[in-house]
Amino acid sequence: MSSNAMSDLAAATAPPPAGPPALALRGLWKRFGTKVAVAGIDLDVPTGSFYGLVGPNGAGKTTTLSMSTGLLRPDFGEVRVHGQDLWAAPIQVKAMLGVLPDGVRLFDRLTGRQLITYAGLLRGMDRDTVGERAQDLLEALDLVADATTLVVDYSAGMTKKIALACALVHAPRLLVLDEPFEAVDPVSAANIRTILATYVRDGGGTVIVSSHVMDLVQRMCDHVAVIAAGHVLAAGTVDEVRGVGSLEDRFVELVGGRSTGEGLAWLRTSSD
């Protein structure tokens, strides 16, 4: 990404010297039929943090993030982004957000460049600025060669990267990414981590990322929350949550459910 684009990003994302958390959740509940997906979550994401959200499958991570970004209305509770109530002022609050949702659906009959441009224009940006940032993002995410290819023909990893570009183009103050590294190759993942780290460190932005890869979260994030069965089991800095061991060990200790595989003795006969 060019120095001009990074300067734009820094200027647009720089938060005030002091203020409320980038994201504050209070008493968040969501039920689907008889299934309680989120059961009264309270969580503060500090401004300028790189925040990891981890939990087993079905823990309520995606539902929590969907409610936090206005994609899903909670049954009860409050969501505040930089002090503003999301559901009281959805247009103003969503303007501060960049979102990469789970199972992202895109206008995939557009080319990669057209999709980023469309995302920027929807945000009210002028066409010249959108064009410059689209080029910067295509270069940073190694998508220049596929800029004129229809998104429907992208691989799963390329689709994830173009969706991230759409989330970044307007330089949001809070970036919420649900499994951003899934299906992304190691080189691209390293590039994305560098972009996000620069966005937080130099741009003053805040990143929330969900992931199942504990080692990645431990290396990348400075804060983490462990969620299971719709509850927050632990939250704080990575060092506070993991204690003296690894984040993975602490995660297993909190969540439980580790299997010894004792009932699979018959697998040993596969070498006979």
C-alpha atoms as a PDB file:
ATOM      1  CA  MET A   1       0.000   0.000   0.000  1.00  0.00           C
ATOM      2  CA  SER A   2       1.412   3.406  -0.973  1.00  0.00           C
ATOM      3  CA  SER A   3       2.579   5.969   1.594  1.00  0.00           C
ATOM      4  CA  ASN A   4      -0.213   8.346   0.520  1.00  0.00           C
ATOM      5  CA  ALA A   5      -2.837   5.672   1.088  1.00  0.00           C
ATOM      6  CA  MET A   6      -1.397   4.826   4.497  1.00  0.00           C
ATOM      7  CA  SER A   7      -1.463   8.525   5.393  1.00  0.00           C
ATOM      8  CA  ASP A   8      -5.116   8.660   4.366  1.00  0.00           C
ATOM      9  CA  LEU A   9      -5.781   5.572   6.470  1.00  0.00           C
ATOM     10  CA  ALA A  10      -3.990   7.047   9.489  1.00  0.00           C
ATOM     11  CA  ALA A  11      -5.850  10.346   9.244  1.00  0.00           C
ATOM     12  CA  ALA A  12      -9.227   8.704   8.812  1.00  0.00           C
ATOM     13  CA  THR A  13      -8.814   6.144  11.593  1.00  0.00           C
ATOM     14  CA  ALA A  14      -6.990   8.159  14.260  1.00  0.00           C
ATOM     15  CA  PRO A  15      -9.189   8.041  17.399  1.00  0.00           C
ATOM     16  CA  PRO A  16      -9.403  10.817  19.989  1.00  0.00           C
ATOM     17  CA  PRO A  17      -6.730  10.740  22.720  1.00  0.00           C
ATOM     18  CA  ALA A  18      -9.173   9.350  25.262  1.00  0.00           C
ATOM     19  CA  GLY A  19     -12.701   8.073  25.116  1.00  0.00           C
ATOM     20  CA  PRO A  20     -14.957   5.046  25.284  1.00  0.00           C
ATOM     21  CA  PRO A  21     -14.041   1.554  24.037  1.00  0.00           C
ATOM     22  CA  ALA A  22     -14.050   0.950  20.305  1.00  0.00           C
ATOM     23  CA  LEU A  23     -16.779  -1.632  20.969  1.00  0.00           C
ATOM     24  CA  ALA A  24     -18.846  -2.105  24.125  1.00  0.00           C
ATOM     25  CA  LEU A  25     -21.364  -4.948  24.444  1.00  0.00           C
ATOM     26  CA  ARG A  26     -23.800  -4.994  27.357  1.00  0.00           C
ATOM     27  CA  GLY A  27     -26.181  -7.849  28.137  1.00  0.00           C
ATOM     28  CA  LEU A  28     -26.272  -9.151  24.570  1.00  0.00           C
ATOM     29  CA  TRP A  29     -28.742 -12.006  24.007  1.00  0.00           C
ATOM     30  CA  LYS A  30     -29.843 -13.899  20.920  1.00  0.00           C
ATOM     31  CA  ARG A  31     -32.095 -16.941  20.618  1.00  0.00           C
ATOM     32  CA  PHE A  32     -32.926 -18.959  17.494  1.00  0.00           C
ATOM     33  CA  GLY A  33     -36.046 -20.953  18.330  1.00  0.00           C
ATOM     34  CA  THR A  34     -35.155 -22.964  21.432  1.00  0.00           C
ATOM     35  CA  LYS A  35     -31.409 -22.497  20.898  1.00  0.00           C
ATOM     36  CA  VAL A  36     -29.749 -19.727  22.924  1.00  0.00           C
ATOM     37  CA  ALA A  37     -26.786 -18.645  20.793  1.00  0.00           C
ATOM     38  CA  VAL A  38     -25.629 -15.708  22.916  1.00  0.00           C
ATOM     39  CA  ALA A  39     -26.503 -15.513  26.604  1.00  0.00           C
ATOM     40  CA  GLY A  40     -25.898 -12.079  28.090  1.00  0.00           C
ATOM     41  CA  ILE A  41     -22.435 -11.197  26.786  1.00  0.00           C
ATOM     42  CA  ASP A  42     -20.629  -8.178  28.261  1.00  0.00           C
ATOM     43  CA  LEU A  43     -17.404  -7.187  26.527  1.00  0.00           C
ATOM     44  CA  ASP A  44     -15.199  -4.120  26.058  1.00  0.00           C
ATOM     45  CA  VAL A  45     -12.778  -3.865  23.133  1.00  0.00           C
ATOM     46  CA  PRO A  46     -10.232  -1.093  23.842  1.00  0.00           C
ATOM     47  CA  THR A  47      -9.631   1.500  21.147  1.00  0.00           C
ATOM     48  CA  GLY A  48      -6.403   0.784  19.277  1.00  0.00           C
ATOM     49  CA  SER A  49      -6.333  -2.897  20.221  1.00  0.00           C
ATOM     50  CA  PHE A  50      -5.920  -6.004  18.080  1.00  0.00           C
ATOM     51  CA  TYR A  51      -8.611  -8.149  19.682  1.00  0.00           C
ATOM     52  CA  GLY A  52      -9.011 -11.892  19.158  1.00  0.00           C
ATOM     53  CA  LEU A  53     -12.301 -13.715  19.650  1.00  0.00           C
ATOM     54  CA  VAL A  54     -11.883 -17.466  20.074  1.00  0.00           C
ATOM     55  CA  GLY A  55     -14.210 -20.314  20.887  1.00  0.00           C
ATOM     56  CA  PRO A  56     -15.302 -23.786  19.751  1.00  0.00           C
ATOM     57  CA  ASN A  57     -17.727 -24.353  16.901  1.00  0.00           C
ATOM     58  CA  GLY A  58     -21.191 -23.147  17.887  1.00  0.00           C
ATOM     59  CA  ALA A  59     -19.835 -20.951  20.684  1.00  0.00           C
ATOM     60  CA  GLY A  60     -21.708 -17.838  19.516  1.00  0.00           C
ATOM     61  CA  LYS A  61     -18.757 -15.945  17.980  1.00  0.00           C
ATOM     62  CA  THR A  62     -20.341 -15.265  14.597  1.00  0.00           C
ATOM     63  CA  THR A  63     -23.697 -14.368  16.159  1.00  0.00           C
ATOM     64  CA  THR A  64     -21.953 -11.950  18.530  1.00  0.00           C
ATOM     65  CA  LEU A  65     -20.020 -10.306  15.700  1.00  0.00           C
ATOM     66  CA  SER A  66     -23.140 -10.097  13.534  1.00  0.00           C
ATOM     67  CA  MET A  67     -25.004  -8.288  16.306  1.00  0.00           C
ATOM     68  CA  SER A  68     -21.982  -6.074  16.971  1.00  0.00           C
ATOM     69  CA  THR A  69     -21.956  -4.805  13.383  1.00  0.00           C
ATOM     70  CA  GLY A  70     -25.671  -4.384  12.725  1.00  0.00           C
ATOM     71  CA  LEU A  71     -26.073  -7.486  10.567  1.00  0.00           C
ATOM     72  CA  LEU A  72     -28.327  -9.107  13.166  1.00  0.00           C
ATOM     73  CA  ARG A  73     -30.578  -7.453  15.733  1.00  0.00           C
ATOM     74  CA  PRO A  74     -30.157  -8.751  19.301  1.00  0.00           C
ATOM     75  CA  ASP A  75     -33.148  -9.893  21.339  1.00  0.00           C
ATOM     76  CA  PHE A  76     -31.816  -7.880  24.272  1.00  0.00           C
ATOM     77  CA  GLY A  77     -28.768  -5.802  25.038  1.00  0.00           C
ATOM     78  CA  GLU A  78     -26.813  -2.829  23.809  1.00  0.00           C
ATOM     79  CA  VAL A  79     -24.031  -2.331  21.267  1.00  0.00           C
ATOM     80  CA  ARG A  80     -21.951   0.849  21.347  1.00  0.00           C
ATOM     81  CA  VAL A  81     -19.229   1.721  18.833  1.00  0.00           C
ATOM     82  CA  HIS A  82     -16.944   4.498  20.059  1.00  0.00           C
ATOM     83  CA  GLY A  83     -19.683   5.475  22.496  1.00  0.00           C
ATOM     84  CA  GLN A  84     -22.535   5.612  19.981  1.00  0.00           C
ATOM     85  CA  ASP A  85     -25.527   3.280  20.210  1.00  0.00           C
ATOM     86  CA  LEU A  86     -25.555   1.111  17.087  1.00  0.00           C
ATOM     87  CA  TRP A  87     -29.300   0.619  16.926  1.00  0.00           C
ATOM     88  CA  ALA A  88     -30.170   4.206  17.857  1.00  0.00           C
ATOM     89  CA  ALA A  89     -28.002   5.645  15.057  1.00  0.00           C
ATOM     90  CA  PRO A  90     -27.267   2.775  12.641  1.00  0.00           C
ATOM     91  CA  ILE A  91     -26.227   4.886   9.647  1.00  0.00           C
ATOM     92  CA  GLN A  92     -23.727   6.992  11.597  1.00  0.00           C
ATOM     93  CA  VAL A  93     -22.305   4.013  13.467  1.00  0.00           C
ATOM     94  CA  LYS A  94     -21.996   1.716  10.452  1.00  0.00           C
ATOM     95  CA  ALA A  95     -19.996   4.436   8.694  1.00  0.00           C
ATOM     96  CA  MET A  96     -17.248   3.749  11.271  1.00  0.00           C
ATOM     97  CA  LEU A  97     -17.252  -0.001  10.630  1.00  0.00           C
ATOM     98  CA  GLY A  98     -15.477  -2.239   8.169  1.00  0.00           C
ATOM     99  CA  VAL A  99     -16.909  -5.764   8.209  1.00  0.00           C
ATOM    100  CA  LEU A 100     -15.825  -9.115   6.791  1.00  0.00           C
ATOM    101  CA  PRO A 101     -18.697 -11.421   7.769  1.00  0.00           C
ATOM    102  CA  ASP A 102     -18.733 -15.205   7.881  1.00  0.00           C
ATOM    103  CA  GLY A 103     -19.886 -16.818   4.639  1.00  0.00           C
ATOM    104  CA  VAL A 104     -19.531 -13.507   2.820  1.00  0.00           C
ATOM    105  CA  ARG A 105     -21.868 -13.022  -0.165  1.00  0.00           C
ATOM    106  CA  LEU A 106     -20.597 -10.591  -2.763  1.00  0.00           C
ATOM    107  CA  PHE A 107     -21.819  -9.060  -6.007  1.00  0.00           C
ATOM    108  CA  ASP A 108     -19.691 -11.639  -7.782  1.00  0.00           C
ATOM    109  CA  ARG A 109     -20.661 -10.672 -11.348  1.00  0.00           C
ATOM    110  CA  LEU A 110     -18.415  -7.647 -10.919  1.00  0.00           C
ATOM    111  CA  THR A 111     -14.661  -7.760 -11.417  1.00  0.00           C
ATOM    112  CA  GLY A 112     -12.398  -7.367  -8.409  1.00  0.00           C
ATOM    113  CA  ARG A 113     -11.671  -3.734  -9.198  1.00  0.00           C
ATOM    114  CA  GLN A 114     -15.334  -2.983  -9.864  1.00  0.00           C
ATOM    115  CA  LEU A 115     -16.356  -4.564  -6.548  1.00  0.00           C
ATOM    116  CA  ILE A 116     -13.929  -2.450  -4.503  1.00  0.00           C
ATOM    117  CA  THR A 117     -15.036   0.650  -6.436  1.00  0.00           C
ATOM    118  CA  TYR A 118     -18.682  -0.175  -5.802  1.00  0.00           C
ATOM    119  CA  ALA A 119     -18.010  -0.614  -2.079  1.00  0.00           C
ATOM    120  CA  GLY A 120     -16.263   2.755  -1.906  1.00  0.00           C
ATOM    121  CA  LEU A 121     -18.962   4.604  -3.839  1.00  0.00           C
ATOM    122  CA  LEU A 122     -21.630   3.109  -1.576  1.00  0.00           C
ATOM    123  CA  ARG A 123     -19.730   4.681   1.317  1.00  0.00           C
ATOM    124  CA  GLY A 124     -20.063   8.106  -0.310  1.00  0.00           C
ATOM    125  CA  MET A 125     -16.440   8.416  -1.398  1.00  0.00           C
ATOM    126  CA  ASP A 126     -15.521  10.338  -4.541  1.00  0.00           C
ATOM    127  CA  ARG A 127     -14.563   8.251  -7.571  1.00  0.00           C
ATOM    128  CA  ASP A 128     -10.958   9.474  -7.805  1.00  0.00           C
ATOM    129  CA  THR A 129     -10.203   8.566  -4.191  1.00  0.00           C
ATOM    130  CA  VAL A 130     -11.887   5.194  -4.616  1.00  0.00           C
ATOM    131  CA  GLY A 131      -9.832   4.506  -7.737  1.00  0.00           C
ATOM    132  CA  GLU A 132      -6.560   5.286  -5.974  1.00  0.00           C
ATOM    133  CA  ARG A 133      -7.397   3.188  -2.926  1.00  0.00           C
ATOM    134  CA  ALA A 134      -8.681   0.298  -5.052  1.00  0.00           C
ATOM    135  CA  GLN A 135      -5.334   0.144  -6.849  1.00  0.00           C
ATOM    136  CA  ASP A 136      -3.444   0.305  -3.542  1.00  0.00           C
ATOM    137  CA  LEU A 137      -5.532  -2.507  -2.075  1.00  0.00           C
ATOM    138  CA  LEU A 138      -5.206  -4.702  -5.177  1.00  0.00           C
ATOM    139  CA  GLU A 139      -1.425  -4.319  -4.991  1.00  0.00           C
ATOM    140  CA  ALA A 140      -1.240  -4.916  -1.232  1.00  0.00           C
ATOM    141  CA  LEU A 141      -3.381  -8.063  -1.466  1.00  0.00           C
ATOM    142  CA  ASP A 142      -1.656  -9.419  -4.602  1.00  0.00           C
ATOM    143  CA  LEU A 143      -4.791  -9.203  -6.737  1.00  0.00           C
ATOM    144  CA  VAL A 144      -3.569  -6.903  -9.526  1.00  0.00           C
ATOM    145  CA  ALA A 145      -3.364  -9.746 -12.049  1.00  0.00           C
ATOM    146  CA  ASP A 146      -6.982 -10.649 -11.282  1.00  0.00           C
ATOM    147  CA  ALA A 147      -8.364  -7.110 -11.059  1.00  0.00           C
ATOM    148  CA  THR A 148     -10.399  -7.552 -14.263  1.00  0.00           C
ATOM    149  CA  THR A 149     -11.540 -11.111 -13.488  1.00  0.00           C
ATOM    150  CA  LEU A 150     -15.125 -11.641 -12.344  1.00  0.00           C
ATOM    151  CA  VAL A 151     -15.270 -12.374  -8.617  1.00  0.00           C
ATOM    152  CA  VAL A 152     -17.433 -15.439  -9.327  1.00  0.00           C
ATOM    153  CA  ASP A 153     -14.313 -16.986 -10.866  1.00  0.00           C
ATOM    154  CA  TYR A 154     -12.110 -16.244  -7.833  1.00  0.00           C
ATOM    155  CA  SER A 155     -10.836 -18.998  -5.564  1.00  0.00           C
ATOM    156  CA  ALA A 156     -12.052 -19.099  -1.956  1.00  0.00           C
ATOM    157  CA  GLY A 157      -8.869 -17.365  -0.766  1.00  0.00           C
ATOM    158  CA  MET A 158      -9.069 -14.656  -3.423  1.00  0.00           C
ATOM    159  CA  THR A 159     -12.717 -14.049  -2.553  1.00  0.00           C
ATOM    160  CA  LYS A 160     -11.736 -13.579   1.087  1.00  0.00           C
ATOM    161  CA  LYS A 161      -9.063 -11.057   0.092  1.00  0.00           C
ATOM    162  CA  ILE A 162     -11.319  -9.004  -2.178  1.00  0.00           C
ATOM    163  CA  ALA A 163     -13.936  -8.909   0.585  1.00  0.00           C
ATOM    164  CA  LEU A 164     -11.278  -7.608   2.968  1.00  0.00           C
ATOM    165  CA  ALA A 165     -10.389  -4.909   0.435  1.00  0.00           C
ATOM    166  CA  CYS A 166     -14.047  -3.833   0.364  1.00  0.00           C
ATOM    167  CA  ALA A 167     -14.051  -3.637   4.169  1.00  0.00           C
ATOM    168  CA  LEU A 168     -10.914  -1.469   4.183  1.00  0.00           C
ATOM    169  CA  VAL A 169     -11.536   0.926   1.299  1.00  0.00           C
ATOM    170  CA  HIS A 170     -13.268   3.628   3.382  1.00  0.00           C
ATOM    171  CA  ALA A 171     -10.623   3.493   6.162  1.00  0.00           C
ATOM    172  CA  PRO A 172     -12.968   2.467   9.007  1.00  0.00           C
ATOM    173  CA  ARG A 173     -12.245   3.185  12.658  1.00  0.00           C
ATOM    174  CA  LEU A 174     -13.235  -0.368  13.673  1.00  0.00           C
ATOM    175  CA  LEU A 175     -12.565  -3.434  11.524  1.00  0.00           C
ATOM    176  CA  VAL A 176     -14.481  -6.628  12.380  1.00  0.00           C
ATOM    177  CA  LEU A 177     -13.242  -9.775  10.640  1.00  0.00           C
ATOM    178  CA  ASP A 178     -14.842 -13.202  11.009  1.00  0.00           C
ATOM    179  CA  GLU A 179     -12.274 -15.912  10.135  1.00  0.00           C
ATOM    180  CA  PRO A 180     -10.295 -13.671   7.736  1.00  0.00           C
ATOM    181  CA  PHE A 181      -7.502 -16.209   7.179  1.00  0.00           C
ATOM    182  CA  GLU A 182      -9.686 -19.186   6.290  1.00  0.00           C
ATOM    183  CA  ALA A 183      -8.681 -20.563   2.848  1.00  0.00           C
ATOM    184  CA  VAL A 184      -5.982 -17.891   2.474  1.00  0.00           C
ATOM    185  CA  ASP A 185      -2.483 -19.087   1.495  1.00  0.00           C
ATOM    186  CA  PRO A 186       0.418 -18.499   3.940  1.00  0.00           C
ATOM    187  CA  VAL A 187       2.046 -15.696   1.924  1.00  0.00           C
ATOM    188  CA  SER A 188      -1.229 -13.792   1.575  1.00  0.00           C
ATOM    189  CA  ALA A 189      -1.993 -14.383   5.253  1.00  0.00           C
ATOM    190  CA  ALA A 190       1.360 -12.864   6.200  1.00  0.00           C
ATOM    191  CA  ASN A 191       0.647  -9.835   3.985  1.00  0.00           C
ATOM    192  CA  ILE A 192      -2.786  -9.400   5.560  1.00  0.00           C
ATOM    193  CA  ARG A 193      -1.328  -9.569   9.065  1.00  0.00           C
ATOM    194  CA  THR A 194       1.167  -6.854   8.134  1.00  0.00           C
ATOM    195  CA  ILE A 195      -1.599  -4.632   6.726  1.00  0.00           C
ATOM    196  CA  LEU A 196      -3.732  -5.087   9.832  1.00  0.00           C
ATOM    197  CA  ALA A 197      -0.830  -4.537  12.229  1.00  0.00           C
ATOM    198  CA  THR A 198       0.037  -1.285  10.423  1.00  0.00           C
ATOM    199  CA  TYR A 199      -3.609  -0.222  10.500  1.00  0.00           C
ATOM    200  CA  VAL A 200      -3.652  -0.623  14.290  1.00  0.00           C
ATOM    201  CA  ARG A 201      -0.142   0.623  15.063  1.00  0.00           C
ATOM    202  CA  ASP A 202       0.131   3.582  12.692  1.00  0.00           C
ATOM    203  CA  GLY A 203      -3.457   4.258  11.679  1.00  0.00           C
ATOM    204  CA  GLY A 204      -5.016   4.213  15.131  1.00  0.00           C
ATOM    205  CA  GLY A 205      -7.640   1.672  14.072  1.00  0.00           C
ATOM    206  CA  THR A 206      -9.057  -1.224  16.069  1.00  0.00           C
ATOM    207  CA  VAL A 207      -9.299  -4.794  14.769  1.00  0.00           C
ATOM    208  CA  ILE A 208     -11.527  -7.589  16.063  1.00  0.00           C
ATOM    209  CA  VAL A 209     -10.777 -10.959  14.522  1.00  0.00           C
ATOM    210  CA  SER A 210     -12.314 -14.366  15.185  1.00  0.00           C
ATOM    211  CA  SER A 211     -10.209 -17.447  14.568  1.00  0.00           C
ATOM    212  CA  HIS A 212      -9.866 -21.093  15.533  1.00  0.00           C
ATOM    213  CA  VAL A 213      -6.068 -20.952  15.280  1.00  0.00           C
ATOM    214  CA  MET A 214      -4.810 -20.281  18.801  1.00  0.00           C
ATOM    215  CA  ASP A 215      -1.171 -19.826  17.805  1.00  0.00           C
ATOM    216  CA  LEU A 216      -2.150 -17.190  15.248  1.00  0.00           C
ATOM    217  CA  VAL A 217      -4.236 -15.268  17.782  1.00  0.00           C
ATOM    218  CA  GLN A 218      -1.486 -15.503  20.399  1.00  0.00           C
ATOM    219  CA  ARG A 219       1.109 -14.061  17.988  1.00  0.00           C
ATOM    220  CA  MET A 220      -1.117 -11.490  16.310  1.00  0.00           C
ATOM    221  CA  CYS A 221      -3.438 -10.098  19.001  1.00  0.00           C
ATOM    222  CA  ASP A 222      -2.790  -8.094  22.154  1.00  0.00           C
ATOM    223  CA  HIS A 223      -6.236  -8.818  23.677  1.00  0.00           C
ATOM    224  CA  VAL A 224      -8.421 -11.916  23.531  1.00  0.00           C
ATOM    225  CA  ALA A 225     -11.802 -13.193  24.711  1.00  0.00           C
ATOM    226  CA  VAL A 226     -12.734 -16.859  25.024  1.00  0.00           C
ATOM    227  CA  ILE A 227     -16.400 -17.565  24.263  1.00  0.00           C
ATOM    228  CA  ALA A 228     -18.283 -20.832  24.759  1.00  0.00           C
ATOM    229  CA  ALA A 229     -21.998 -21.632  24.878  1.00  0.00           C
ATOM    230  CA  GLY A 230     -22.844 -17.970  24.388  1.00  0.00           C
ATOM    231  CA  HIS A 231     -20.843 -16.781  27.413  1.00  0.00           C
ATOM    232  CA  VAL A 232     -17.524 -14.989  27.839  1.00  0.00           C
ATOM    233  CA  LEU A 233     -15.317 -17.345  29.867  1.00  0.00           C
ATOM    234  CA  ALA A 234     -12.258 -15.087  29.994  1.00  0.00           C
ATOM    235  CA  ALA A 235     -11.244 -11.728  28.554  1.00  0.00           C
ATOM    236  CA  GLY A 236      -8.265  -9.391  28.815  1.00  0.00           C
ATOM    237  CA  THR A 237      -4.785  -9.086  27.419  1.00  0.00           C
ATOM    238  CA  VAL A 238      -3.393 -12.249  25.847  1.00  0.00           C
ATOM    239  CA  ASP A 239      -0.911 -12.613  28.705  1.00  0.00           C
ATOM    240  CA  GLU A 240      -3.663 -12.243  31.305  1.00  0.00           C
ATOM    241  CA  VAL A 241      -5.872 -14.857  29.672  1.00  0.00           C
ATOM    242  CA  ARG A 242      -3.234 -17.457  28.880  1.00  0.00           C
ATOM    243  CA  GLY A 243      -1.415 -17.225  32.226  1.00  0.00           C
ATOM    244  CA  VAL A 244       1.804 -19.228  32.418  1.00  0.00           C
ATOM    245  CA  GLY A 245       1.002 -21.589  29.542  1.00  0.00           C
ATOM    246  CA  SER A 246      -0.029 -21.240  25.931  1.00  0.00           C
ATOM    247  CA  LEU A 247      -3.316 -19.760  24.805  1.00  0.00           C
ATOM    248  CA  GLU A 248      -4.308 -23.140  23.377  1.00  0.00           C
ATOM    249  CA  ASP A 249      -3.758 -24.873  26.738  1.00  0.00           C
ATOM    250  CA  ARG A 250      -5.772 -22.195  28.522  1.00  0.00           C
ATOM    251  CA  PHE A 251      -8.507 -22.450  25.892  1.00  0.00           C
ATOM    252  CA  VAL A 252      -8.822 -26.220  26.363  1.00  0.00           C
ATOM    253  CA  GLU A 253      -8.819 -25.771  30.142  1.00  0.00           C
ATOM    254  CA  LEU A 254     -11.668 -23.246  29.946  1.00  0.00           C
ATOM    255  CA  VAL A 255     -13.762 -24.926  27.266  1.00  0.00           C
ATOM    256  CA  GLY A 256     -13.082 -28.582  28.037  1.00  0.00           C
ATOM    257  CA  GLY A 257     -14.251 -31.402  25.816  1.00  0.00           C
ATOM    258  CA  ARG A 258     -10.857 -32.837  24.856  1.00  0.00           C
ATOM    259  CA  SER A 259     -11.235 -36.466  23.712  1.00  0.00           C
ATOM    260  CA  THR A 260      -8.637 -39.207  24.227  1.00  0.00           C
ATOM    261  CA  GLY A 261      -9.870 -41.259  21.268  1.00  0.00           C
ATOM    262  CA  GLU A 262     -10.091 -44.393  23.435  1.00  0.00           C
ATOM    263  CA  GLY A 263     -13.107 -45.653  21.502  1.00  0.00           C
ATOM    264  CA  LEU A 264     -11.128 -45.836  18.235  1.00  0.00           C
ATOM    265  CA  ALA A 265      -8.897 -48.798  19.028  1.00  0.00           C
ATOM    266  CA  TRP A 266     -10.007 -50.405  15.769  1.00  0.00           C
ATOM    267  CA  LEU A 267      -7.967 -47.806  13.853  1.00  0.00           C
ATOM    268  CA  ARG A 268      -4.827 -49.631  14.960  1.00  0.00           C
ATOM    269  CA  THR A 269      -5.769 -52.528  12.698  1.00  0.00           C
ATOM    270  CA  SER A 270      -5.319 -50.339   9.608  1.00  0.00           C
ATOM    271  CA  SER A 271      -1.622 -51.299   9.460  1.00  0.00           C
ATOM    272  CA  ASP A 272      -2.311 -55.038   9.575  1.00  0.00           C
END
